Protein backbone atom coordinates (compact mmCIF):
# COMPACT_ATOMS: atom_id res chain seq x y z
CA UNK A 1 -48.89 114.77 1.65
CA UNK A 2 -49.43 112.88 4.87
CA UNK A 3 -49.59 109.12 4.63
CA UNK A 4 -50.61 106.36 6.97
CA UNK A 5 -49.00 105.66 10.32
CA UNK A 6 -45.56 104.10 10.08
CA UNK A 7 -44.76 105.54 6.63
CA UNK A 8 -42.17 108.13 5.66
CA UNK A 9 -43.60 111.35 4.23
CA UNK A 10 -42.15 113.75 1.68
CA UNK A 11 -44.04 116.72 0.30
CA UNK A 12 -41.80 119.04 -1.64
CA UNK A 13 -44.71 121.24 -2.72
CA UNK A 14 -45.31 122.55 0.80
CA UNK A 15 -43.33 125.73 1.45
CA UNK A 16 -43.86 126.34 5.17
CA UNK A 17 -43.18 124.05 8.06
CA UNK A 18 -44.59 124.96 11.50
CA UNK A 19 -41.24 124.40 13.23
CA UNK A 20 -39.06 125.41 10.32
CA UNK A 21 -37.27 128.76 9.96
CA UNK A 22 -34.56 129.95 7.61
CA UNK A 23 -34.99 127.64 4.63
CA UNK A 24 -36.61 128.83 1.45
CA UNK A 25 -37.98 125.51 0.27
CA UNK A 26 -37.73 122.81 2.92
CA UNK A 27 -37.85 119.09 2.39
CA UNK A 28 -40.69 117.93 4.60
CA UNK A 29 -41.41 114.82 6.62
CA UNK A 30 -43.22 114.18 9.88
CA UNK A 31 -41.25 115.36 12.88
CA UNK A 32 -41.94 111.98 14.47
CA UNK A 33 -39.64 110.62 11.74
CA UNK A 34 -36.78 113.04 12.01
CA UNK A 35 -34.99 110.99 14.68
CA UNK A 36 -34.86 108.04 12.28
CA UNK A 37 -32.72 110.04 9.85
CA UNK A 38 -28.95 110.15 10.14
CA UNK A 39 -26.56 112.80 8.92
CA UNK A 40 -23.92 111.28 6.67
CA UNK A 41 -20.84 112.93 5.21
CA UNK A 42 -18.75 111.54 2.37
CA UNK A 43 -15.65 113.54 1.54
CA UNK A 44 -11.93 113.96 1.32
CA UNK A 45 -9.59 116.63 2.64
CA UNK A 46 -5.97 117.72 2.94
CA UNK A 47 -5.25 114.92 5.41
CA UNK A 48 -6.80 112.09 3.43
CA UNK A 49 -5.95 112.93 -0.18
CA UNK A 50 -3.19 114.71 -2.14
CA UNK A 51 -3.97 117.89 -4.02
CA UNK A 52 -3.88 116.03 -7.35
CA UNK A 53 -6.96 114.09 -6.23
CA UNK A 54 -8.67 116.95 -4.36
CA UNK A 55 -8.61 119.21 -7.38
CA UNK A 56 -10.38 116.56 -9.45
CA UNK A 57 -13.46 116.66 -7.20
CA UNK A 58 -13.57 120.40 -6.51
CA UNK A 59 -16.95 122.01 -7.29
CA UNK A 60 -17.62 125.59 -8.36
CA UNK A 61 -20.63 127.43 -6.91
CA UNK A 62 -22.55 126.90 -10.14
CA UNK A 63 -21.84 123.18 -9.99
CA UNK A 64 -22.85 123.03 -6.33
CA UNK A 65 -26.22 124.62 -7.08
CA UNK A 66 -26.77 122.16 -9.93
CA UNK A 67 -25.84 119.14 -7.80
CA UNK A 68 -27.97 120.21 -4.83
CA UNK A 69 -30.95 120.97 -7.07
CA UNK A 70 -30.60 117.46 -8.54
CA UNK A 71 -30.39 115.98 -5.05
CA UNK A 72 -33.46 117.97 -4.00
CA UNK A 73 -35.50 116.25 -6.71
CA UNK A 74 -34.46 112.82 -5.48
CA UNK A 75 -35.55 111.09 -2.27
CA UNK A 76 -32.35 109.28 -1.30
CA UNK A 77 -31.29 112.34 0.66
CA UNK A 78 -33.98 114.49 2.22
CA UNK A 79 -31.54 117.38 2.80
CA UNK A 80 -28.05 118.12 1.50
CA UNK A 81 -25.13 120.53 1.58
CA UNK A 82 -21.89 120.49 -0.40
CA UNK A 83 -18.78 122.13 1.08
CA UNK A 84 -15.99 122.53 -1.48
CA UNK A 85 -12.77 124.46 -0.73
CA UNK A 86 -9.14 124.15 -1.78
CA UNK A 87 -8.55 121.78 1.13
CA UNK A 88 -11.74 119.69 1.19
CA UNK A 89 -14.80 118.51 -0.68
CA UNK A 90 -17.51 117.16 1.64
CA UNK A 91 -21.06 116.12 0.81
CA UNK A 92 -23.44 116.11 3.77
CA UNK A 93 -26.89 114.57 3.57
CA UNK A 94 -29.79 113.43 5.73
CA UNK A 95 -31.07 109.93 5.08
CA UNK A 96 -32.80 106.91 6.61
CA UNK A 97 -30.42 104.54 4.80
CA UNK A 98 -26.73 105.36 5.21
CA UNK A 99 -25.61 102.66 2.79
CA UNK A 100 -27.86 103.92 0.01
CA UNK A 101 -26.90 107.52 0.79
CA UNK A 102 -23.16 106.80 0.57
CA UNK A 103 -23.59 104.98 -2.72
CA UNK A 104 -25.72 107.84 -4.07
CA UNK A 105 -23.07 110.44 -3.18
CA UNK A 106 -20.22 108.39 -4.63
CA UNK A 107 -22.18 107.80 -7.85
CA UNK A 108 -22.95 111.51 -8.03
CA UNK A 109 -19.23 112.31 -7.89
CA UNK A 110 -18.59 109.79 -10.67
CA UNK A 111 -21.37 111.34 -12.75
CA UNK A 112 -20.39 114.98 -12.22
CA UNK A 113 -16.60 114.74 -11.89
CA UNK A 114 -15.81 111.42 -13.57
CA UNK A 115 -13.85 110.36 -10.52
CA UNK A 116 -14.47 106.99 -8.94
CA UNK A 117 -13.47 107.27 -5.28
CA UNK A 118 -13.24 103.47 -5.17
CA UNK A 119 -10.21 103.80 -7.44
CA UNK A 120 -8.50 105.87 -4.75
CA UNK A 121 -8.81 103.72 -1.63
CA UNK A 122 -8.19 105.55 1.61
CA UNK A 123 -8.61 108.99 0.12
CA UNK A 124 -12.33 109.37 0.91
CA UNK A 125 -14.00 108.98 4.30
CA UNK A 126 -17.56 108.41 5.45
CA UNK A 127 -18.94 109.51 8.81
CA UNK A 128 -22.46 109.04 10.14
CA UNK A 129 -24.71 110.05 13.03
CA UNK A 130 -23.12 112.16 15.76
CA UNK A 131 -19.64 111.71 14.27
CA UNK A 132 -20.72 113.50 11.10
CA UNK A 133 -22.27 116.35 13.10
CA UNK A 134 -19.17 116.62 15.30
CA UNK A 135 -17.00 116.66 12.17
CA UNK A 136 -18.86 119.63 10.66
CA UNK A 137 -18.69 121.53 13.96
CA UNK A 138 -14.92 120.91 14.15
CA UNK A 139 -14.51 122.05 10.54
CA UNK A 140 -16.30 125.34 11.28
CA UNK A 141 -14.15 125.79 14.40
CA UNK A 142 -10.93 125.55 12.36
CA UNK A 143 -9.91 122.38 14.20
CA UNK A 144 -9.75 120.35 10.98
CA UNK A 145 -8.05 123.00 8.85
CA UNK A 146 -4.63 122.76 7.22
CA UNK A 147 -3.67 125.77 9.35
CA UNK A 148 -5.07 125.20 12.84
CA UNK A 149 -7.58 127.86 13.82
CA UNK A 150 -7.73 129.66 10.47
CA UNK A 151 -10.87 131.78 10.14
CA UNK A 152 -11.56 131.56 6.41
CA UNK A 153 -13.34 128.22 6.75
CA UNK A 154 -16.18 129.78 8.77
CA UNK A 155 -17.07 132.04 5.86
CA UNK A 156 -16.90 129.04 3.53
CA UNK A 157 -19.33 127.10 5.75
CA UNK A 158 -21.68 130.09 5.73
CA UNK A 159 -21.52 130.23 1.93
CA UNK A 160 -22.22 126.50 1.65
CA UNK A 161 -25.29 127.07 3.84
CA UNK A 162 -26.48 129.88 1.57
CA UNK A 163 -26.09 127.71 -1.54
CA UNK A 164 -28.02 124.87 0.09
CA UNK A 165 -30.83 127.29 0.95
CA UNK A 166 -30.81 128.73 -2.56
CA UNK A 167 -31.06 125.28 -4.14
CA UNK A 168 -33.93 124.23 -1.85
CA UNK A 169 -31.91 121.33 -0.41
CA UNK A 170 -31.70 122.68 3.14
CA UNK A 171 -34.32 121.49 5.61
CA UNK A 172 -34.94 121.94 9.31
CA UNK A 173 -32.22 119.55 10.44
CA UNK A 174 -29.33 120.76 8.27
CA UNK A 175 -30.40 124.33 8.88
CA UNK A 176 -30.08 123.75 12.62
CA UNK A 177 -26.74 121.93 12.24
CA UNK A 178 -25.31 124.76 10.17
CA UNK A 179 -26.53 127.33 12.67
CA UNK A 180 -24.74 125.29 15.34
CA UNK A 181 -21.60 125.18 13.17
CA UNK A 182 -21.54 128.95 12.77
CA UNK A 183 -22.16 129.34 16.51
CA UNK A 184 -19.23 127.01 17.26
CA UNK A 185 -16.97 128.93 14.89
CA UNK A 186 -17.82 132.26 16.52
CA UNK A 187 -17.52 130.93 20.07
CA UNK A 188 -14.17 129.25 19.43
CA UNK A 189 -12.75 132.47 18.02
CA UNK A 190 -14.23 134.64 20.78
CA UNK A 191 -13.65 132.35 23.76
CA UNK A 192 -10.24 130.89 22.87
CA UNK A 193 -7.00 132.12 21.30
CA UNK A 194 -6.86 129.35 18.72
CA UNK A 195 -6.82 131.93 15.92
CA UNK A 196 -4.28 134.25 17.54
CA UNK A 197 -0.72 134.75 16.31
CA UNK A 198 0.77 134.50 12.84
CA UNK A 199 1.08 131.00 11.40
CA UNK A 200 2.15 131.84 7.84
CA UNK A 201 5.36 133.46 6.65
CA UNK A 202 3.53 136.53 5.33
CA UNK A 203 1.53 137.08 8.52
CA UNK A 204 4.61 136.34 10.65
CA UNK A 205 6.57 139.04 8.83
CA UNK A 206 3.85 141.59 9.48
CA UNK A 207 3.50 140.46 13.10
CA UNK A 208 7.24 140.86 13.63
CA UNK A 209 7.08 144.36 12.17
CA UNK A 210 4.29 145.28 14.57
CA UNK A 211 6.34 143.94 17.48
CA UNK A 212 9.30 146.11 16.47
CA UNK A 213 7.22 149.29 16.34
CA UNK A 214 4.11 149.66 18.49
CA UNK A 215 2.56 152.16 16.06
CA UNK A 216 3.17 151.40 12.39
CA UNK A 217 1.19 154.39 11.13
CA UNK A 218 4.18 156.71 11.44
CA UNK A 219 6.76 154.25 10.07
CA UNK A 220 7.99 154.00 6.50
CA UNK A 221 7.79 150.47 5.17
CA UNK A 222 9.56 149.29 2.02
CA UNK A 223 8.35 146.14 0.28
CA UNK A 224 10.72 144.63 -2.28
CA UNK A 225 9.08 142.19 -4.69
CA UNK A 226 5.40 141.78 -5.53
CA UNK A 227 5.11 138.06 -6.01
CA UNK A 228 2.42 136.10 -4.18
CA UNK A 229 4.28 136.21 -0.86
CA UNK A 230 5.20 139.87 -1.20
CA UNK A 231 1.67 140.95 -2.12
CA UNK A 232 0.17 138.97 0.76
CA UNK A 233 2.66 140.49 3.20
CA UNK A 234 1.83 143.99 1.93
CA UNK A 235 -1.86 143.40 2.58
CA UNK A 236 -1.10 142.17 6.09
CA UNK A 237 0.97 145.28 6.73
CA UNK A 238 -1.84 147.59 5.62
CA UNK A 239 -4.26 145.67 7.86
CA UNK A 240 -1.89 146.34 10.77
CA UNK A 241 -2.03 150.07 10.18
CA UNK A 242 0.85 150.86 7.80
CA UNK A 243 0.14 154.17 6.02
CA UNK A 244 3.51 154.90 4.43
CA UNK A 245 4.16 151.96 2.12
CA UNK A 246 6.62 151.99 -0.78
CA UNK A 247 6.60 149.02 -3.16
CA UNK A 248 9.71 148.40 -5.28
CA UNK A 249 9.76 145.81 -8.04
CA UNK A 250 11.75 144.97 -11.13
CA UNK A 251 8.59 145.30 -13.23
CA UNK A 252 7.40 148.77 -12.32
CA UNK A 253 3.83 148.27 -13.61
CA UNK A 254 3.23 145.47 -11.11
CA UNK A 255 4.49 147.62 -8.25
CA UNK A 256 2.25 150.42 -9.45
CA UNK A 257 -0.78 148.13 -9.62
CA UNK A 258 -0.33 146.81 -6.07
CA UNK A 259 0.48 150.23 -4.61
CA UNK A 260 -2.67 151.63 -6.21
CA UNK A 261 -4.72 148.85 -4.58
CA UNK A 262 -3.20 149.37 -1.13
CA UNK A 263 -2.75 153.13 -1.15
CA UNK A 264 1.07 153.09 -1.30
CA UNK A 265 3.71 154.41 -3.67
CA UNK A 266 5.52 152.51 -6.40
CA UNK A 267 9.24 152.70 -7.07
CA UNK A 268 11.45 151.16 -9.75
CA UNK A 269 14.15 148.80 -8.52
CA UNK A 270 16.90 151.15 -9.72
CA UNK A 271 15.83 153.53 -6.90
CA UNK A 272 16.33 150.82 -4.28
CA UNK A 273 19.25 152.54 -2.52
CA UNK A 274 17.21 155.72 -2.08
CA UNK A 275 14.27 153.74 -0.74
CA UNK A 276 16.49 151.83 1.70
CA UNK A 277 17.87 155.08 3.02
CA UNK A 278 14.38 156.37 3.87
CA UNK A 279 12.77 153.17 5.22
CA UNK A 280 12.29 152.12 8.84
CA UNK A 281 11.29 148.55 7.96
CA UNK A 282 12.18 146.54 4.85
CA UNK A 283 10.38 143.37 3.84
CA UNK A 284 11.97 141.60 0.91
CA UNK A 285 10.57 138.73 -1.12
CA UNK A 286 11.94 138.64 -4.66
CA UNK A 287 12.65 135.65 -6.83
CA UNK A 288 16.30 136.55 -7.33
CA UNK A 289 18.78 133.70 -7.42
CA UNK A 290 21.46 135.69 -5.56
CA UNK A 291 21.44 138.49 -2.96
CA UNK A 292 20.31 141.82 -4.41
CA UNK A 293 21.69 143.77 -1.43
CA UNK A 294 25.26 143.00 -0.42
CA UNK A 295 27.16 144.30 2.59
CA UNK A 296 29.25 146.44 0.29
CA UNK A 297 26.13 148.05 -1.18
CA UNK A 298 24.52 148.50 2.22
CA UNK A 299 27.45 150.12 4.03
CA UNK A 300 27.14 153.64 2.52
CA UNK A 301 23.37 153.54 2.95
CA UNK A 302 23.77 152.79 6.66
CA UNK A 303 26.39 155.53 7.01
CA UNK A 304 23.94 158.04 5.56
CA UNK A 305 21.13 157.08 7.95
CA UNK A 306 22.88 158.38 11.04
CA UNK A 307 21.55 156.74 14.21
CA UNK A 308 18.25 155.59 12.70
CA UNK A 309 17.92 151.80 12.98
CA UNK A 310 16.85 149.71 10.00
CA UNK A 311 14.90 146.51 10.42
CA UNK A 312 15.13 144.09 7.50
CA UNK A 313 12.78 141.10 7.24
CA UNK A 314 14.07 138.88 4.44
CA UNK A 315 11.50 136.20 3.56
CA UNK A 316 13.02 135.33 0.19
CA UNK A 317 14.62 132.01 -0.65
CA UNK A 318 17.40 132.33 -1.73
CA UNK A 319 17.86 135.31 0.58
CA UNK A 320 17.81 138.85 -0.88
CA UNK A 321 20.16 140.33 1.75
CA UNK A 322 23.61 139.01 2.56
CA UNK A 323 23.68 137.64 6.10
CA UNK A 324 26.77 139.74 6.95
CA UNK A 325 24.61 142.88 6.73
CA UNK A 326 23.44 142.03 10.26
CA UNK A 327 26.97 142.96 11.46
CA UNK A 328 26.48 146.59 10.41
CA UNK A 329 25.63 149.07 13.18
CA UNK A 330 21.94 149.83 13.39
CA UNK A 331 20.85 147.01 11.04
CA UNK A 332 18.67 144.23 12.42
CA UNK A 333 18.23 141.36 9.97
CA UNK A 334 15.59 138.60 10.23
CA UNK A 335 15.21 135.72 7.78
CA UNK A 336 12.93 132.73 7.16
CA UNK A 337 14.37 130.77 10.06
CA UNK A 338 13.35 133.58 12.40
CA UNK A 339 9.86 133.51 10.88
CA UNK A 340 9.72 129.76 11.49
CA UNK A 341 10.53 130.25 15.17
CA UNK A 342 7.69 132.77 15.47
CA UNK A 343 5.25 130.58 13.53
CA UNK A 344 6.15 127.49 15.58
CA UNK A 345 5.66 129.39 18.82
CA UNK A 346 2.27 130.67 17.68
CA UNK A 347 1.23 127.20 16.53
CA UNK A 348 2.22 125.86 19.93
CA UNK A 349 0.05 128.49 21.58
CA UNK A 350 -2.84 127.54 19.29
CA UNK A 351 -2.47 123.85 20.09
CA UNK A 352 -2.80 124.66 23.79
CA UNK A 353 -6.26 126.06 23.00
CA UNK A 354 -7.49 122.83 21.34
CA UNK A 355 -9.07 121.35 24.52
CA UNK A 356 -11.10 124.54 25.04
CA UNK A 357 -12.25 124.50 21.44
CA UNK A 358 -13.15 120.80 21.57
CA UNK A 359 -15.20 121.44 24.73
CA UNK A 360 -17.21 124.09 22.87
CA UNK A 361 -17.80 121.62 20.02
CA UNK A 362 -19.11 119.02 22.47
CA UNK A 363 -21.42 121.57 24.13
CA UNK A 364 -22.95 122.55 20.81
CA UNK A 365 -23.23 118.89 19.78
CA UNK A 366 -25.13 118.13 22.98
CA UNK A 367 -27.42 121.11 22.36
CA UNK A 368 -28.12 119.91 18.84
CA UNK A 369 -28.85 116.36 19.98
CA UNK A 370 -31.30 117.66 22.60
CA UNK A 371 -33.01 119.82 20.00
CA UNK A 372 -33.27 116.97 17.55
CA UNK A 373 -34.69 114.61 20.16
CA UNK A 374 -37.36 117.16 20.99
CA UNK A 375 -38.50 117.49 17.36
CA UNK A 376 -40.65 114.39 17.34
CA UNK A 377 -41.99 114.87 20.87
CA UNK A 378 -42.82 118.58 20.90
CA UNK A 379 -45.59 118.70 18.25
CA UNK A 380 -47.50 115.67 19.52
CA UNK A 381 -47.24 116.84 23.15
CA UNK A 382 -48.54 120.27 22.17
CA UNK A 383 -51.39 118.88 20.06
CA UNK A 384 -52.40 116.33 22.68
CA UNK A 385 -52.47 118.93 25.45
CA UNK A 386 -54.56 121.24 23.25
CA UNK A 387 -56.97 118.39 22.42
CA UNK A 388 -57.44 117.29 26.04
CA UNK A 389 -57.73 120.88 27.27
CA UNK A 390 -60.43 121.56 24.68
CA UNK A 391 -62.35 118.49 25.85
CA UNK A 392 -61.98 119.54 29.50
CA UNK A 393 -63.34 123.02 28.83
CA UNK A 394 -66.10 121.60 26.67
CA UNK A 395 -67.26 119.33 29.48
CA UNK A 396 -67.00 122.11 32.08
CA UNK A 397 -69.14 124.35 29.93
CA UNK A 398 -71.70 121.60 29.44
CA UNK A 399 -72.11 121.12 33.21
CA UNK A 400 -71.44 124.69 34.44
CA UNK A 401 -75.08 125.31 35.39
CA UNK A 402 -74.89 122.50 37.93
CA UNK A 403 -72.39 124.45 40.05
CA UNK A 404 -72.41 127.77 41.78
CA UNK A 405 -69.71 130.31 40.91
CA UNK A 406 -67.34 129.31 43.72
CA UNK A 407 -67.78 125.63 42.94
CA UNK A 408 -67.12 126.21 39.26
CA UNK A 409 -63.74 127.74 40.08
CA UNK A 410 -62.88 124.80 42.31
CA UNK A 411 -63.99 122.27 39.70
CA UNK A 412 -61.94 124.11 37.08
CA UNK A 413 -58.81 123.87 39.25
CA UNK A 414 -59.54 120.25 40.14
CA UNK A 415 -60.02 119.07 36.54
CA UNK A 416 -56.97 121.01 35.37
CA UNK A 417 -54.84 119.34 38.04
CA UNK A 418 -56.33 115.94 37.21
CA UNK A 419 -55.61 116.33 33.49
CA UNK A 420 -52.00 117.35 34.20
CA UNK A 421 -51.45 114.35 36.45
CA UNK A 422 -52.91 111.97 33.87
CA UNK A 423 -50.89 113.45 30.99
CA UNK A 424 -47.57 113.85 32.84
CA UNK A 425 -46.40 110.20 32.66
CA UNK A 426 -47.61 109.94 29.06
CA UNK A 427 -45.62 113.04 28.11
CA UNK A 428 -42.50 111.51 29.66
CA UNK A 429 -43.04 108.37 27.58
CA UNK A 430 -43.43 110.47 24.42
CA UNK A 431 -40.09 112.16 25.09
CA UNK A 432 -38.49 108.74 25.54
CA UNK A 433 -40.12 107.46 22.35
CA UNK A 434 -38.56 110.31 20.35
CA UNK A 435 -35.18 108.66 21.09
CA UNK A 436 -36.35 105.08 20.48
CA UNK A 437 -35.98 104.71 16.73
CA UNK A 438 -38.61 103.02 14.57
CA UNK A 439 -40.65 101.61 17.45
CA UNK A 440 -40.85 105.02 19.13
CA UNK A 441 -41.89 106.67 15.86
CA UNK A 442 -44.67 104.12 15.42
CA UNK A 443 -45.95 104.82 18.94
CA UNK A 444 -45.98 108.56 18.27
CA UNK A 445 -47.84 107.93 15.03
CA UNK A 446 -50.36 105.88 17.01
CA UNK A 447 -51.01 108.85 19.29
CA UNK A 448 -51.76 111.03 16.28
CA UNK A 449 -54.21 108.42 15.01
CA UNK A 450 -55.81 107.55 18.36
CA UNK A 451 -56.54 111.16 19.31
CA UNK A 452 -57.16 112.34 15.73
CA UNK A 453 -54.44 114.97 16.10
CA UNK A 454 -53.40 117.32 13.32
CA UNK A 455 -49.94 116.40 12.07
CA UNK A 456 -47.22 119.02 11.41
CA UNK A 457 -47.59 120.24 7.83
CA UNK A 458 -51.17 119.00 7.57
CA UNK A 459 -53.85 121.53 6.63
CA UNK A 460 -55.82 122.70 9.64
CA UNK A 461 -59.17 121.06 10.02
CA UNK A 462 -61.89 121.14 12.61
CA UNK A 463 -61.84 118.41 15.16
CA UNK A 464 -65.22 116.98 16.11
């Protein structure tokens, strides 16, 4: 429903907005008002709060839909999105009153999670205006992640967008911001190397293996241990092209389960010597409290391999292979310290890409700000031009019989040029007003009233 000039409008029954795409049930308001609304984010992350606090305010997808649907029925926030991962919980909203919006979000967390953020000073943060937009863009780019440049966060931002759409809490502004966030994430990963190189022990082990052998498809890889680290390493190895994977574990059923998932073969731990004799690469990550492969045990295995080298990547702590094994001919042993060197080097390379990534964030932020500024100006400029053009043609038609054909063409060109010259300075003022807060919004509203222009979202009606 459209109110009087100078008021804020909400009509949640209207399903289609003339400048709105992508949202299933937008929250509506006049576009002349959109520049008065600020994006606010209230949240906490791995930098601001320990995991004991973060886990208290984590939301499942079902909870997110419930919270956003509740928010959609209120008018404190006109649009909202909730991003909840293992490393952050952030509530974004669009509002004309940042103070009221922050209080609303904090109270919502108390209501839904029984956690008062005031009781944990310093753990939560609040950002508004361009800082909140910049923050979301940096999050999507992986610049605010626990692991710099990690790609999983982009998928999580996409999913948060989908949930906001599904709940009906996503409007034209948040929809555009989230599109910008996804664009930033893609550009940063395509135009920089911030996501290149292994930065976890599991990925470092697989990267090292791929550096040892250019083609892993023809190499036999033995994985010892199927704990969390071992299973993750096995998946990385398969992603890098390993086709001959043997998984050995003390509990055979677990080895069988993982090998079935990854297309490898399972082996009981009592066949370890046989497996070591056949392998080209060994990755070991058991939970043993002492080495499971000693130099004494390894010597006859090495003797039986002939000149074939064996590369052992021991990522267990305590180590699974005695360090003296590295002294045996043809055995190349790498441990966690070697993985750390590789990870640190890759992290250093990623940090060098930060300025490029930040520049992309700033470009997309500038694009968003330009788009948002145009929201209030574009509809009124379009409607005013249409209104004046209709009047011009109406008057030309009324007096057309007074002119010959050649004169009519000249008069048409003359009046068109005159109208453009009259409207040009006014259009420039309208664009300035769209960035002038409340006073600018009132002036734009006055134009709608003075020229009896149809407002965005208003049912079409004939103009006299």
